[in-house]
Amino acid sequence: MDINTLIGNDNYHWFWIGLGCILLAVEMLGASGYLLWSGLASTLVGVLVWIIPYELTLNIQAVIYAIILIINTYLWWRWLKYKSSKAPQSFALNQRSQQLIGLRSLLLEDVHLGISRIKIADSSWRVKCSESLKSGEEVVVISIDGATLIVEKWNDRTQ
């Protein structure tokens, strides 16, 4: 039994569109983008065969599918390469304290013996400061020492 008997000579477009739908459905299960472009290539071949039904043999259709698939895959690879080169490289990923450097906050209490507290987001942090500052003054985090933030008074020159 050959494929012409199964599909019929005038139903190739449904084969390609159906294959495209199946590949796109499987892609939704999490195939990281590859089946998306395979499904799109298959669907495009199906539309092309629908528009030009009798002039494209099955062999030519398979070659067109392969060409479209290679082009789609290459363009996807180029786009991912471009996108990843533009993404900022965060060396402080999963290091919350390192991400706090440069943030400004208000002192919650007066600096006593070089120690005070600030609130950042929903957390209260212990801070060390070399200056004697009052509660409510704005400070900027300049470094980290263990679980203690090192701060200094914020002014326009600090930035």
Protein backbone atom coordinates (compact mmCIF):
# COMPACT_ATOMS: atom_id res chain seq x y z
CA MET A 1 0.00 0.00 0.00
CA ASP A 2 1.58 3.30 -1.02
CA ILE A 3 0.94 6.81 0.24
CA ASN A 4 -1.16 7.78 -2.79
CA THR A 5 -3.67 5.08 -1.84
CA LEU A 6 -3.78 6.25 1.79
CA ILE A 7 -4.01 9.99 1.16
CA GLY A 8 -5.31 10.24 -2.38
CA ASN A 9 -3.70 12.37 -5.07
CA ASP A 10 -5.86 15.43 -4.43
CA ASN A 11 -5.63 15.43 -0.60
CA TYR A 12 -1.94 16.11 -0.03
CA HIS A 13 -2.71 19.53 1.40
CA TRP A 14 -4.70 17.91 4.21
CA PHE A 15 -1.77 15.61 4.95
CA TRP A 16 0.65 18.56 5.33
CA ILE A 17 -1.81 20.72 7.26
CA GLY A 18 -2.69 17.77 9.52
CA LEU A 19 0.99 17.02 10.10
CA GLY A 20 1.53 20.68 10.93
CA CYS A 21 -1.32 20.66 13.45
CA ILE A 22 0.03 17.49 15.09
CA LEU A 23 3.54 18.96 15.35
CA LEU A 24 2.19 22.21 16.78
CA ALA A 25 0.10 20.29 19.31
CA VAL A 26 3.14 18.25 20.39
CA GLU A 27 5.12 21.51 20.64
CA MET A 28 2.67 22.72 23.27
CA LEU A 29 3.85 19.83 25.46
CA GLY A 30 7.25 21.51 25.63
CA ALA A 31 9.66 20.75 22.80
CA SER A 32 11.57 24.07 23.17
CA GLY A 33 10.67 25.58 19.84
CA TYR A 34 11.92 23.05 17.32
CA LEU A 35 8.54 21.46 16.57
CA LEU A 36 7.02 24.92 16.27
CA TRP A 37 9.08 25.56 13.15
CA SER A 38 8.57 22.02 11.84
CA GLY A 39 4.81 22.46 12.22
CA LEU A 40 4.92 25.87 10.56
CA ALA A 41 6.93 24.45 7.63
CA SER A 42 4.47 21.60 7.24
CA THR A 43 1.49 23.95 7.34
CA LEU A 44 3.11 26.25 4.75
CA VAL A 45 3.67 23.28 2.43
CA GLY A 46 0.02 22.31 2.92
CA VAL A 47 -1.15 25.79 1.94
CA LEU A 48 1.21 25.80 -1.05
CA VAL A 49 -0.10 22.41 -2.22
CA TRP A 50 -3.65 23.69 -1.78
CA ILE A 51 -2.90 26.68 -4.02
CA ILE A 52 -0.96 24.65 -6.63
CA PRO A 53 -2.52 21.18 -6.29
CA TYR A 54 -1.50 19.20 -9.39
CA GLU A 55 1.93 20.54 -10.23
CA LEU A 56 3.73 19.46 -7.06
CA THR A 57 4.55 15.78 -6.69
CA LEU A 58 5.08 14.30 -3.26
CA ASN A 59 8.86 14.33 -3.76
CA ILE A 60 8.84 18.02 -4.61
CA GLN A 61 6.61 18.69 -1.61
CA ALA A 62 9.09 16.90 0.68
CA VAL A 63 11.96 18.96 -0.74
CA ILE A 64 9.99 22.19 -0.24
CA TYR A 65 9.24 21.09 3.34
CA ALA A 66 12.93 20.40 4.01
CA ILE A 67 13.98 23.77 2.57
CA ILE A 68 11.38 25.71 4.58
CA LEU A 69 12.31 23.73 7.71
CA ILE A 70 16.02 24.48 7.29
CA ILE A 71 15.32 28.18 6.72
CA ASN A 72 12.98 28.34 9.73
CA THR A 73 15.47 26.54 11.96
CA TYR A 74 18.35 28.76 10.84
CA LEU A 75 16.33 31.95 11.43
CA TRP A 76 15.25 30.66 14.87
CA TRP A 77 18.87 29.89 15.76
CA ARG A 78 19.99 33.37 14.60
CA TRP A 79 17.21 35.04 16.58
CA LEU A 80 18.11 33.11 19.76
CA LYS A 81 21.79 33.93 19.30
CA TYR A 82 20.94 37.64 18.86
CA LYS A 83 18.55 37.60 21.82
CA SER A 84 21.04 35.90 24.14
CA SER A 85 23.80 38.35 23.19
CA LYS A 86 21.52 41.27 24.15
CA ALA A 87 20.44 39.75 27.48
CA PRO A 88 22.30 41.19 30.44
CA GLN A 89 24.61 38.72 32.15
CA SER A 90 23.76 38.83 35.83
CA PHE A 91 26.66 37.68 37.95
CA ALA A 92 24.59 38.31 41.06
CA LEU A 93 21.94 35.75 40.16
CA ASN A 94 20.68 34.04 43.34
CA GLN A 95 22.87 36.31 45.46
CA ARG A 96 20.30 38.66 46.87
CA SER A 97 22.74 40.69 48.92
CA GLN A 98 24.89 41.41 45.84
CA GLN A 99 21.80 42.65 44.02
CA LEU A 100 21.30 45.27 46.74
CA ILE A 101 24.48 47.21 45.93
CA GLY A 102 23.53 50.62 44.65
CA LEU A 103 20.04 50.64 46.17
CA ARG A 104 18.95 53.58 48.29
CA SER A 105 16.86 53.47 51.42
CA LEU A 106 16.02 55.45 54.53
CA LEU A 107 17.54 54.66 57.91
CA LEU A 108 14.96 53.23 60.30
CA GLU A 109 16.90 54.30 63.41
CA ASP A 110 19.80 56.53 64.34
CA VAL A 111 23.29 55.15 63.73
CA HIS A 112 24.67 54.02 67.09
CA LEU A 113 28.25 52.73 67.25
CA GLY A 114 28.23 52.56 63.45
CA ILE A 115 25.20 50.21 63.31
CA SER A 116 21.63 50.88 62.17
CA ARG A 117 18.83 49.29 60.11
CA ILE A 118 17.21 49.99 56.75
CA LYS A 119 14.19 48.54 55.05
CA ILE A 120 14.47 47.28 51.48
CA ALA A 121 11.31 45.82 49.97
CA ASP A 122 9.80 43.67 52.74
CA SER A 123 13.04 43.02 54.63
CA SER A 124 14.89 44.88 57.34
CA TRP A 125 18.68 44.83 56.95
CA ARG A 126 21.44 45.54 59.45
CA VAL A 127 23.77 48.22 58.15
CA LYS A 128 27.20 49.59 59.06
CA CYS A 129 27.93 53.23 58.50
CA SER A 130 31.12 55.16 59.22
CA GLU A 131 29.19 58.42 59.65
CA SER A 132 26.84 59.39 62.45
CA LEU A 133 23.45 59.70 60.76
CA LYS A 134 19.92 60.29 62.02
CA SER A 135 16.83 58.19 61.42
CA GLY A 136 15.12 59.03 58.11
CA GLU A 137 18.30 60.03 56.27
CA GLU A 138 18.79 58.47 52.86
CA VAL A 139 21.69 56.06 52.42
CA VAL A 140 23.05 53.98 49.54
CA VAL A 141 24.38 50.42 49.79
CA ILE A 142 28.04 50.37 48.67
CA SER A 143 29.10 46.84 49.68
CA ILE A 144 28.21 43.78 51.73
CA ASP A 145 29.95 42.19 54.72
CA GLY A 146 28.29 38.85 55.44
CA ALA A 147 24.66 39.67 56.22
CA THR A 148 25.45 43.31 56.98
CA LEU A 149 25.16 46.01 54.35
CA ILE A 150 27.79 48.74 54.25
CA VAL A 151 26.15 52.09 53.51
CA GLU A 152 27.05 55.71 53.19
CA LYS A 153 24.98 58.88 53.14
CA TRP A 154 23.32 59.46 49.81
CA ASN A 155 23.95 62.69 47.99
CA ASP A 156 23.96 63.54 44.30
CA ARG A 157 27.74 63.07 44.07
CA THR A 158 27.58 59.50 45.41
CA GLN A 159 26.05 58.25 42.19
